[in-house]
Amino acid sequence: MLIVAIGGIGPIWIVAWLFGFALKKLDATKKIIYSSLASYIFAIILSGFGNANGGPWNPMIAEYSISLIFVLLIRFGIQKIRNKDA
């Protein structure tokens, strides 16, 4: 499960970055939180269809929850480093 969660960091980060363009007016902290949550929801919906394999909708909630936590920690860490340099 941890390997799938680590693999989910990239897609959640990329989709969060794309959602971030729509949230330009927010401050950095809110932008990180809202764009990451939106990408998490997007990933859950897509994983439910991709993991169904002809059966019922089966999202990978636990794996992408761990990925979301990693993404939030990394993005807040980067923000803290950037603010320290300024």
C-alpha atoms as a PDB file:
ATOM      1  CA  MET A   1       0.000   0.000   0.000  1.00  0.00           C
ATOM      2  CA  LEU A   2       2.894   2.379   0.770  1.00  0.00           C
ATOM      3  CA  ILE A   3       4.401   1.798  -2.675  1.00  0.00           C
ATOM      4  CA  VAL A   4       1.105   2.783  -4.335  1.00  0.00           C
ATOM      5  CA  ALA A   5       0.913   5.835  -2.057  1.00  0.00           C
ATOM      6  CA  ILE A   6       4.427   6.913  -3.029  1.00  0.00           C
ATOM      7  CA  GLY A   7       3.513   6.423  -6.678  1.00  0.00           C
ATOM      8  CA  GLY A   8       0.452   8.633  -6.181  1.00  0.00           C
ATOM      9  CA  ILE A   9       2.514  11.632  -5.059  1.00  0.00           C
ATOM     10  CA  GLY A  10       3.389  12.662  -8.622  1.00  0.00           C
ATOM     11  CA  PRO A  11      -0.128  12.649 -10.070  1.00  0.00           C
ATOM     12  CA  ILE A  12      -1.626  14.427  -7.067  1.00  0.00           C
ATOM     13  CA  TRP A  13       1.137  17.043  -7.172  1.00  0.00           C
ATOM     14  CA  ILE A  14       0.718  17.688 -10.914  1.00  0.00           C
ATOM     15  CA  VAL A  15      -3.066  17.963 -10.734  1.00  0.00           C
ATOM     16  CA  ALA A  16      -2.783  20.202  -7.635  1.00  0.00           C
ATOM     17  CA  TRP A  17      -0.374  22.424  -9.557  1.00  0.00           C
ATOM     18  CA  LEU A  18      -2.929  22.686 -12.382  1.00  0.00           C
ATOM     19  CA  PHE A  19      -5.762  23.464  -9.953  1.00  0.00           C
ATOM     20  CA  GLY A  20      -3.506  26.090  -8.383  1.00  0.00           C
ATOM     21  CA  PHE A  21      -3.752  28.221 -11.526  1.00  0.00           C
ATOM     22  CA  ALA A  22      -7.460  28.703 -10.863  1.00  0.00           C
ATOM     23  CA  LEU A  23      -6.751  29.812  -7.287  1.00  0.00           C
ATOM     24  CA  LYS A  24      -4.326  32.668  -7.978  1.00  0.00           C
ATOM     25  CA  LYS A  25      -6.152  35.150  -5.735  1.00  0.00           C
ATOM     26  CA  LEU A  26      -5.704  33.099  -2.548  1.00  0.00           C
ATOM     27  CA  ASP A  27      -2.695  33.262  -0.279  1.00  0.00           C
ATOM     28  CA  ALA A  28      -0.120  30.491  -0.598  1.00  0.00           C
ATOM     29  CA  THR A  29      -1.281  28.388   2.350  1.00  0.00           C
ATOM     30  CA  LYS A  30      -4.922  28.275   1.281  1.00  0.00           C
ATOM     31  CA  LYS A  31      -3.882  27.682  -2.320  1.00  0.00           C
ATOM     32  CA  ILE A  32      -1.823  24.649  -1.282  1.00  0.00           C
ATOM     33  CA  ILE A  33      -4.629  23.198   0.832  1.00  0.00           C
ATOM     34  CA  TYR A  34      -7.482  23.764  -1.637  1.00  0.00           C
ATOM     35  CA  SER A  35      -5.597  22.681  -4.748  1.00  0.00           C
ATOM     36  CA  SER A  36      -4.292  19.550  -3.010  1.00  0.00           C
ATOM     37  CA  LEU A  37      -7.746  18.595  -1.751  1.00  0.00           C
ATOM     38  CA  ALA A  38      -9.247  19.162  -5.201  1.00  0.00           C
ATOM     39  CA  SER A  39      -6.574  16.964  -6.773  1.00  0.00           C
ATOM     40  CA  TYR A  40      -7.218  14.299  -4.115  1.00  0.00           C
ATOM     41  CA  ILE A  41     -10.915  14.220  -4.991  1.00  0.00           C
ATOM     42  CA  PHE A  42     -10.049  14.079  -8.689  1.00  0.00           C
ATOM     43  CA  ALA A  43      -7.615  11.187  -8.077  1.00  0.00           C
ATOM     44  CA  ILE A  44     -10.180   9.259  -6.009  1.00  0.00           C
ATOM     45  CA  ILE A  45     -12.780   9.544  -8.756  1.00  0.00           C
ATOM     46  CA  LEU A  46     -10.353   8.433 -11.460  1.00  0.00           C
ATOM     47  CA  SER A  47      -8.914   5.608  -9.373  1.00  0.00           C
ATOM     48  CA  GLY A  48     -12.423   4.309  -8.701  1.00  0.00           C
ATOM     49  CA  PHE A  49     -13.024   3.837 -12.398  1.00  0.00           C
ATOM     50  CA  GLY A  50      -9.509   2.598 -13.145  1.00  0.00           C
ATOM     51  CA  ASN A  51      -9.523   0.070 -10.331  1.00  0.00           C
ATOM     52  CA  ALA A  52     -13.007  -1.262 -11.139  1.00  0.00           C
ATOM     53  CA  ASN A  53     -11.766  -3.793 -13.746  1.00  0.00           C
ATOM     54  CA  GLY A  54     -15.259  -4.388 -15.092  1.00  0.00           C
ATOM     55  CA  GLY A  55     -16.765  -4.617 -11.618  1.00  0.00           C
ATOM     56  CA  PRO A  56     -18.108  -2.037  -9.212  1.00  0.00           C
ATOM     57  CA  TRP A  57     -16.525   1.370  -8.663  1.00  0.00           C
ATOM     58  CA  ASN A  58     -13.530   0.750  -6.382  1.00  0.00           C
ATOM     59  CA  PRO A  59     -11.578   3.878  -5.345  1.00  0.00           C
ATOM     60  CA  MET A  60      -8.157   3.702  -3.673  1.00  0.00           C
ATOM     61  CA  ILE A  61      -9.013   5.997  -0.765  1.00  0.00           C
ATOM     62  CA  ALA A  62      -6.367   4.918   1.755  1.00  0.00           C
ATOM     63  CA  GLU A  63      -3.498   4.978  -0.736  1.00  0.00           C
ATOM     64  CA  TYR A  64      -4.318   8.422  -2.079  1.00  0.00           C
ATOM     65  CA  SER A  65      -4.922   9.751   1.442  1.00  0.00           C
ATOM     66  CA  ILE A  66      -1.328   8.877   2.285  1.00  0.00           C
ATOM     67  CA  SER A  67      -0.211  10.477  -0.989  1.00  0.00           C
ATOM     68  CA  LEU A  68      -2.148  13.631  -0.097  1.00  0.00           C
ATOM     69  CA  ILE A  69      -0.414  13.835   3.283  1.00  0.00           C
ATOM     70  CA  PHE A  70       3.000  13.460   1.617  1.00  0.00           C
ATOM     71  CA  VAL A  71       2.163  16.128  -0.968  1.00  0.00           C
ATOM     72  CA  LEU A  72       0.954  18.562   1.694  1.00  0.00           C
ATOM     73  CA  LEU A  73       4.076  18.018   3.801  1.00  0.00           C
ATOM     74  CA  ILE A  74       6.375  18.494   0.816  1.00  0.00           C
ATOM     75  CA  ARG A  75       4.569  21.578  -0.492  1.00  0.00           C
ATOM     76  CA  PHE A  76       4.451  23.227   2.957  1.00  0.00           C
ATOM     77  CA  GLY A  77       8.145  22.404   3.403  1.00  0.00           C
ATOM     78  CA  ILE A  78       8.990  24.037   0.090  1.00  0.00           C
ATOM     79  CA  GLN A  79       6.891  27.072   1.018  1.00  0.00           C
ATOM     80  CA  LYS A  80       8.694  27.369   4.355  1.00  0.00           C
ATOM     81  CA  ILE A  81      12.097  27.188   2.659  1.00  0.00           C
ATOM     82  CA  ARG A  82      11.109  29.815   0.082  1.00  0.00           C
ATOM     83  CA  ASN A  83       9.765  32.175   2.775  1.00  0.00           C
ATOM     84  CA  LYS A  84      12.923  31.750   4.848  1.00  0.00           C
ATOM     85  CA  ASP A  85      15.090  32.839   1.901  1.00  0.00           C
ATOM     86  CA  ALA A  86      13.020  35.964   1.189  1.00  0.00           C
END
